[in-house]
């Protein structure tokens, strides 16, 4: 059995990598021009709608990780 700290470090690195990927693939392209102080629910709804349309067009189903 792996030492708990090793598992935690691996999990943390994986989590950070996943977050970085989502920022690069979704947040920056869809919301990168919106100032944080101006970010609204409608911006997020539009982002999710565009992600859904883009995935459909590309024949890639949405998963819990991308929706």
PDB file of N, CA and C in Angstrom:
ATOM      1  N   UNK A   1       0.845  -1.183   0.000  1.00  0.00           N
ATOM      2  CA  UNK A   1       0.000   0.000   0.000  1.00  0.00           C
ATOM      3  C   UNK A   1       0.886   1.241   0.000  1.00  0.00           C
ATOM      4  N   UNK A   2       0.507   2.232  -0.815  1.00  0.00           N
ATOM      5  CA  UNK A   2       1.288   3.461  -0.916  1.00  0.00           C
ATOM      6  C   UNK A   2       1.144   4.292   0.349  1.00  0.00           C
ATOM      7  N   UNK A   3       2.171   5.007   0.630  1.00  0.00           N
ATOM      8  CA  UNK A   3       2.145   5.919   1.768  1.00  0.00           C
ATOM      9  C   UNK A   3       1.092   6.995   1.494  1.00  0.00           C
ATOM     10  N   UNK A   4       0.303   7.395   2.499  1.00  0.00           N
ATOM     11  CA  UNK A   4      -0.772   8.374   2.278  1.00  0.00           C
ATOM     12  C   UNK A   4      -0.298   9.694   1.683  1.00  0.00           C
ATOM     13  N   UNK A   5       0.895  10.145   2.042  1.00  0.00           N
ATOM     14  CA  UNK A   5       1.378  11.415   1.503  1.00  0.00           C
ATOM     15  C   UNK A   5       1.697  11.312   0.019  1.00  0.00           C
ATOM     16  N   UNK A   6       2.174  10.169  -0.394  1.00  0.00           N
ATOM     17  CA  UNK A   6       2.460   9.966  -1.814  1.00  0.00           C
ATOM     18  C   UNK A   6       1.162  10.022  -2.612  1.00  0.00           C
ATOM     19  N   UNK A   7       0.141   9.344  -2.136  1.00  0.00           N
ATOM     20  CA  UNK A   7      -1.154   9.368  -2.817  1.00  0.00           C
ATOM     21  C   UNK A   7      -1.710  10.779  -2.856  1.00  0.00           C
ATOM     22  N   UNK A   8      -1.553  11.513  -1.774  1.00  0.00           N
ATOM     23  CA  UNK A   8      -2.062  12.882  -1.719  1.00  0.00           C
ATOM     24  C   UNK A   8      -1.320  13.763  -2.718  1.00  0.00           C
ATOM     25  N   UNK A   9      -0.013  13.636  -2.793  1.00  0.00           N
ATOM     26  CA  UNK A   9       0.760  14.439  -3.740  1.00  0.00           C
ATOM     27  C   UNK A   9       0.374  14.105  -5.170  1.00  0.00           C
ATOM     28  N   UNK A  10       0.211  12.842  -5.456  1.00  0.00           N
ATOM     29  CA  UNK A  10      -0.184  12.420  -6.798  1.00  0.00           C
ATOM     30  C   UNK A  10      -1.570  12.949  -7.125  1.00  0.00           C
ATOM     31  N   UNK A  11      -2.487  12.812  -6.186  1.00  0.00           N
ATOM     32  CA  UNK A  11      -3.840  13.315  -6.408  1.00  0.00           C
ATOM     33  C   UNK A  11      -3.830  14.823  -6.591  1.00  0.00           C
ATOM     34  N   UNK A  12      -3.066  15.511  -5.782  1.00  0.00           N
ATOM     35  CA  UNK A  12      -3.009  16.967  -5.877  1.00  0.00           C
ATOM     36  C   UNK A  12      -2.435  17.389  -7.229  1.00  0.00           C
ATOM     37  N   UNK A  13      -1.384  16.717  -7.685  1.00  0.00           N
ATOM     38  CA  UNK A  13      -0.783  17.052  -8.980  1.00  0.00           C
ATOM     39  C   UNK A  13      -1.777  16.789 -10.105  1.00  0.00           C
ATOM     40  N   UNK A  14      -2.497  15.710 -10.011  1.00  0.00           N
ATOM     41  CA  UNK A  14      -3.503  15.371 -11.020  1.00  0.00           C
ATOM     42  C   UNK A  14      -4.628  16.397 -11.018  1.00  0.00           C
ATOM     43  N   UNK A  15      -5.055  16.797  -9.841  1.00  0.00           N
ATOM     44  CA  UNK A  15      -6.120  17.794  -9.720  1.00  0.00           C
ATOM     45  C   UNK A  15      -5.673  19.125 -10.312  1.00  0.00           C
ATOM     46  N   UNK A  16      -4.474  19.552  -9.987  1.00  0.00           N
ATOM     47  CA  UNK A  16      -3.943  20.807 -10.515  1.00  0.00           C
ATOM     48  C   UNK A  16      -3.832  20.740 -12.027  1.00  0.00           C
ATOM     49  N   UNK A  17      -3.369  19.625 -12.538  1.00  0.00           N
ATOM     50  CA  UNK A  17      -3.258  19.443 -13.984  1.00  0.00           C
ATOM     51  C   UNK A  17      -4.633  19.521 -14.648  1.00  0.00           C
ATOM     52  N   UNK A  18      -5.628  18.900 -14.031  1.00  0.00           N
ATOM     53  CA  UNK A  18      -6.987  18.945 -14.563  1.00  0.00           C
ATOM     54  C   UNK A  18      -7.546  20.350 -14.560  1.00  0.00           C
ATOM     55  N   UNK A  19      -7.327  21.075 -13.469  1.00  0.00           N
ATOM     56  CA  UNK A  19      -7.799  22.465 -13.395  1.00  0.00           C
ATOM     57  C   UNK A  19      -7.127  23.315 -14.471  1.00  0.00           C
ATOM     58  N   UNK A  20      -5.825  23.154 -14.623  1.00  0.00           N
ATOM     59  CA  UNK A  20      -5.081  23.926 -15.627  1.00  0.00           C
ATOM     60  C   UNK A  20      -5.612  23.631 -17.028  1.00  0.00           C
ATOM     61  N   UNK A  21      -5.926  22.384 -17.281  1.00  0.00           N
ATOM     62  CA  UNK A  21      -6.470  21.995 -18.573  1.00  0.00           C
ATOM     63  C   UNK A  21      -7.820  22.663 -18.823  1.00  0.00           C
ATOM     64  N   UNK A  22      -8.687  22.681 -17.821  1.00  0.00           N
ATOM     65  CA  UNK A  22      -9.996  23.317 -17.977  1.00  0.00           C
ATOM     66  C   UNK A  22      -9.863  24.828 -18.186  1.00  0.00           C
ATOM     67  N   UNK A  23      -8.927  25.447 -17.505  1.00  0.00           N
ATOM     68  CA  UNK A  23      -8.698  26.885 -17.712  1.00  0.00           C
ATOM     69  C   UNK A  23      -8.250  27.118 -19.147  1.00  0.00           C
ATOM     70  N   UNK A  24      -7.307  26.325 -19.628  1.00  0.00           N
ATOM     71  CA  UNK A  24      -6.751  26.488 -20.969  1.00  0.00           C
ATOM     72  C   UNK A  24      -7.800  26.194 -22.056  1.00  0.00           C
ATOM     73  N   UNK A  25      -8.592  25.131 -21.869  1.00  0.00           N
ATOM     74  CA  UNK A  25      -9.540  24.702 -22.898  1.00  0.00           C
ATOM     75  C   UNK A  25     -10.873  25.438 -22.874  1.00  0.00           C
ATOM     76  N   UNK A  26     -11.307  25.875 -21.709  1.00  0.00           N
ATOM     77  CA  UNK A  26     -12.653  26.421 -21.589  1.00  0.00           C
ATOM     78  C   UNK A  26     -12.703  27.851 -21.062  1.00  0.00           C
ATOM     79  N   UNK A  27     -12.151  28.092 -19.902  1.00  0.00           N
ATOM     80  CA  UNK A  27     -12.303  29.412 -19.293  1.00  0.00           C
ATOM     81  C   UNK A  27     -11.620  30.513 -20.099  1.00  0.00           C
ATOM     82  N   UNK A  28     -10.363  30.328 -20.434  1.00  0.00           N
ATOM     83  CA  UNK A  28      -9.637  31.382 -21.157  1.00  0.00           C
ATOM     84  C   UNK A  28     -10.249  31.675 -22.529  1.00  0.00           C
ATOM     85  N   UNK A  29     -10.531  30.662 -23.354  1.00  0.00           N
ATOM     86  CA  UNK A  29     -11.088  30.979 -24.669  1.00  0.00           C
ATOM     87  C   UNK A  29     -12.492  31.603 -24.623  1.00  0.00           C
ATOM     88  N   UNK A  30     -13.311  31.182 -23.692  1.00  0.00           N
ATOM     89  CA  UNK A  30     -14.697  31.640 -23.656  1.00  0.00           C
ATOM     90  C   UNK A  30     -14.899  32.884 -22.793  1.00  0.00           C
ATOM     91  N   UNK A  31     -14.087  33.057 -21.767  1.00  0.00           N
ATOM     92  CA  UNK A  31     -14.300  34.158 -20.820  1.00  0.00           C
ATOM     93  C   UNK A  31     -13.085  35.050 -20.647  1.00  0.00           C
ATOM     94  N   UNK A  32     -12.024  34.787 -21.370  1.00  0.00           N
ATOM     95  CA  UNK A  32     -10.764  35.488 -21.171  1.00  0.00           C
ATOM     96  C   UNK A  32     -10.820  36.990 -21.335  1.00  0.00           C
ATOM     97  N   UNK A  33     -11.815  37.488 -22.081  1.00  0.00           N
ATOM     98  CA  UNK A  33     -11.899  38.936 -22.300  1.00  0.00           C
ATOM     99  C   UNK A  33     -12.825  39.630 -21.303  1.00  0.00           C
ATOM    100  N   UNK A  34     -13.470  38.854 -20.433  1.00  0.00           N
ATOM    101  CA  UNK A  34     -14.418  39.418 -19.466  1.00  0.00           C
ATOM    102  C   UNK A  34     -13.693  39.716 -18.154  1.00  0.00           C
ATOM    103  N   UNK A  35     -13.791  40.953 -17.705  1.00  0.00           N
ATOM    104  CA  UNK A  35     -13.188  41.319 -16.419  1.00  0.00           C
ATOM    105  C   UNK A  35     -13.920  40.576 -15.301  1.00  0.00           C
ATOM    106  N   UNK A  36     -13.187  40.105 -14.334  1.00  0.00           N
ATOM    107  CA  UNK A  36     -13.779  39.334 -13.243  1.00  0.00           C
ATOM    108  C   UNK A  36     -14.898  40.111 -12.548  1.00  0.00           C
ATOM    109  N   UNK A  37     -14.720  41.396 -12.367  1.00  0.00           N
ATOM    110  CA  UNK A  37     -15.734  42.225 -11.712  1.00  0.00           C
ATOM    111  C   UNK A  37     -17.019  42.317 -12.543  1.00  0.00           C
ATOM    112  N   UNK A  38     -16.910  42.048 -13.845  1.00  0.00           N
ATOM    113  CA  UNK A  38     -18.072  42.124 -14.733  1.00  0.00           C
ATOM    114  C   UNK A  38     -18.662  40.757 -15.065  1.00  0.00           C
ATOM    115  N   UNK A  39     -18.036  39.699 -14.599  1.00  0.00           N
ATOM    116  CA  UNK A  39     -18.500  38.345 -14.891  1.00  0.00           C
ATOM    117  C   UNK A  39     -19.890  38.123 -14.303  1.00  0.00           C
ATOM    118  N   UNK A  40     -20.798  37.587 -15.119  1.00  0.00           N
ATOM    119  CA  UNK A  40     -22.170  37.397 -14.671  1.00  0.00           C
ATOM    120  C   UNK A  40     -22.639  35.976 -14.970  1.00  0.00           C
ATOM    121  N   UNK A  41     -23.775  35.654 -14.436  1.00  0.00           N
ATOM    122  CA  UNK A  41     -24.387  34.349 -14.697  1.00  0.00           C
ATOM    123  C   UNK A  41     -24.624  34.186 -16.192  1.00  0.00           C
ATOM    124  N   UNK A  42     -25.038  35.237 -16.859  1.00  0.00           N
ATOM    125  CA  UNK A  42     -25.299  35.128 -18.300  1.00  0.00           C
ATOM    126  C   UNK A  42     -24.023  34.818 -19.075  1.00  0.00           C
ATOM    127  N   UNK A  43     -22.869  35.339 -18.634  1.00  0.00           N
ATOM    128  CA  UNK A  43     -21.602  34.980 -19.271  1.00  0.00           C
ATOM    129  C   UNK A  43     -21.351  33.480 -19.143  1.00  0.00           C
ATOM    130  N   UNK A  44     -21.582  32.950 -17.939  1.00  0.00           N
ATOM    131  CA  UNK A  44     -21.347  31.524 -17.704  1.00  0.00           C
ATOM    132  C   UNK A  44     -22.330  30.664 -18.485  1.00  0.00           C
ATOM    133  N   UNK A  45     -23.591  31.076 -18.535  1.00  0.00           N
ATOM    134  CA  UNK A  45     -24.583  30.322 -19.303  1.00  0.00           C
ATOM    135  C   UNK A  45     -24.216  30.307 -20.784  1.00  0.00           C
ATOM    136  N   UNK A  46     -23.775  31.432 -21.301  1.00  0.00           N
ATOM    137  CA  UNK A  46     -23.360  31.503 -22.702  1.00  0.00           C
ATOM    138  C   UNK A  46     -22.146  30.615 -22.954  1.00  0.00           C
ATOM    139  N   UNK A  47     -21.207  30.610 -22.018  1.00  0.00           N
ATOM    140  CA  UNK A  47     -20.024  29.768 -22.156  1.00  0.00           C
ATOM    141  C   UNK A  47     -20.425  28.300 -22.232  1.00  0.00           C
ATOM    142  N   UNK A  48     -21.279  27.856 -21.303  1.00  0.00           N
ATOM    143  CA  UNK A  48     -21.686  26.456 -21.292  1.00  0.00           C
ATOM    144  C   UNK A  48     -22.474  26.091 -22.546  1.00  0.00           C
ATOM    145  N   UNK A  49     -23.291  26.997 -23.047  1.00  0.00           N
ATOM    146  CA  UNK A  49     -24.045  26.743 -24.276  1.00  0.00           C
ATOM    147  C   UNK A  49     -23.093  26.595 -25.457  1.00  0.00           C
ATOM    148  N   UNK A  50     -22.089  27.455 -25.535  1.00  0.00           N
ATOM    149  CA  UNK A  50     -21.106  27.362 -26.626  1.00  0.00           C
ATOM    150  C   UNK A  50     -20.290  26.093 -26.531  1.00  0.00           C
ATOM    151  N   UNK A  51     -19.893  25.715 -25.331  1.00  0.00           N
ATOM    152  CA  UNK A  51     -19.141  24.466 -25.149  1.00  0.00           C
ATOM    153  C   UNK A  51     -19.988  23.297 -25.634  1.00  0.00           C
ATOM    154  N   UNK A  52     -21.252  23.281 -25.259  1.00  0.00           N
ATOM    155  CA  UNK A  52     -22.148  22.209 -25.667  1.00  0.00           C
ATOM    156  C   UNK A  52     -22.273  22.158 -27.188  1.00  0.00           C
ATOM    157  N   UNK A  53     -22.506  23.310 -27.830  1.00  0.00           N
ATOM    158  CA  UNK A  53     -22.619  23.360 -29.296  1.00  0.00           C
ATOM    159  C   UNK A  53     -21.327  22.919 -29.966  1.00  0.00           C
ATOM    160  N   UNK A  54     -20.187  23.394 -29.450  1.00  0.00           N
ATOM    161  CA  UNK A  54     -18.894  23.027 -30.033  1.00  0.00           C
ATOM    162  C   UNK A  54     -18.663  21.524 -29.947  1.00  0.00           C
ATOM    163  N   UNK A  55     -18.986  20.940 -28.812  1.00  0.00           N
ATOM    164  CA  UNK A  55     -18.809  19.501 -28.640  1.00  0.00           C
ATOM    165  C   UNK A  55     -19.722  18.725 -29.578  1.00  0.00           C
ATOM    166  N   UNK A  56     -20.979  19.164 -29.711  1.00  0.00           N
ATOM    167  CA  UNK A  56     -21.916  18.499 -30.623  1.00  0.00           C
ATOM    168  C   UNK A  56     -21.396  18.552 -32.055  1.00  0.00           C
ATOM    169  N   UNK A  57     -20.943  19.725 -32.485  1.00  0.00           N
ATOM    170  CA  UNK A  57     -20.415  19.890 -33.838  1.00  0.00           C
ATOM    171  C   UNK A  57     -19.237  18.975 -34.109  1.00  0.00           C
ATOM    172  N   UNK A  58     -18.431  18.743 -33.090  1.00  0.00           N
ATOM    173  CA  UNK A  58     -17.231  17.922 -33.235  1.00  0.00           C
ATOM    174  C   UNK A  58     -17.520  16.444 -32.987  1.00  0.00           C
ATOM    175  N   UNK A  59     -18.765  16.109 -32.687  1.00  0.00           N
ATOM    176  CA  UNK A  59     -19.123  14.718 -32.447  1.00  0.00           C
ATOM    177  C   UNK A  59     -18.557  14.157 -31.158  1.00  0.00           C
ATOM    178  N   UNK A  60     -18.286  15.042 -30.213  1.00  0.00           N
ATOM    179  CA  UNK A  60     -17.755  14.605 -28.909  1.00  0.00           C
ATOM    180  C   UNK A  60     -18.837  14.803 -27.863  1.00  0.00           C
ATOM    181  N   UNK A  61     -19.250  13.740 -27.206  1.00  0.00           N
ATOM    182  CA  UNK A  61     -20.274  13.904 -26.176  1.00  0.00           C
ATOM    183  C   UNK A  61     -19.734  14.667 -24.972  1.00  0.00           C
ATOM    184  N   UNK A  62     -20.626  15.399 -24.340  1.00  0.00           N
ATOM    185  CA  UNK A  62     -20.250  16.075 -23.103  1.00  0.00           C
ATOM    186  C   UNK A  62     -20.194  15.053 -21.974  1.00  0.00           C
ATOM    187  N   UNK A  63     -19.289  15.260 -21.077  1.00  0.00           N
ATOM    188  CA  UNK A  63     -19.173  14.411 -19.900  1.00  0.00           C
ATOM    189  C   UNK A  63     -19.255  15.300 -18.670  1.00  0.00           C
ATOM    190  N   UNK A  64     -19.334  14.698 -17.516  1.00  0.00           N
ATOM    191  CA  UNK A  64     -19.377  15.483 -16.270  1.00  0.00           C
ATOM    192  C   UNK A  64     -18.151  16.383 -16.155  1.00  0.00           C
ATOM    193  N   UNK A  65     -17.041  15.963 -16.699  1.00  0.00           N
ATOM    194  CA  UNK A  65     -15.811  16.755 -16.616  1.00  0.00           C
ATOM    195  C   UNK A  65     -15.849  17.973 -17.513  1.00  0.00           C
ATOM    196  N   UNK A  66     -16.687  17.959 -18.560  1.00  0.00           N
ATOM    197  CA  UNK A  66     -16.716  19.091 -19.492  1.00  0.00           C
ATOM    198  C   UNK A  66     -17.993  19.888 -19.401  1.00  0.00           C
ATOM    199  N   UNK A  67     -18.920  19.480 -18.562  1.00  0.00           N
ATOM    200  CA  UNK A  67     -20.170  20.235 -18.489  1.00  0.00           C
ATOM    201  C   UNK A  67     -20.321  20.917 -17.156  1.00  0.00           C
TER     202      UNK A  67
END
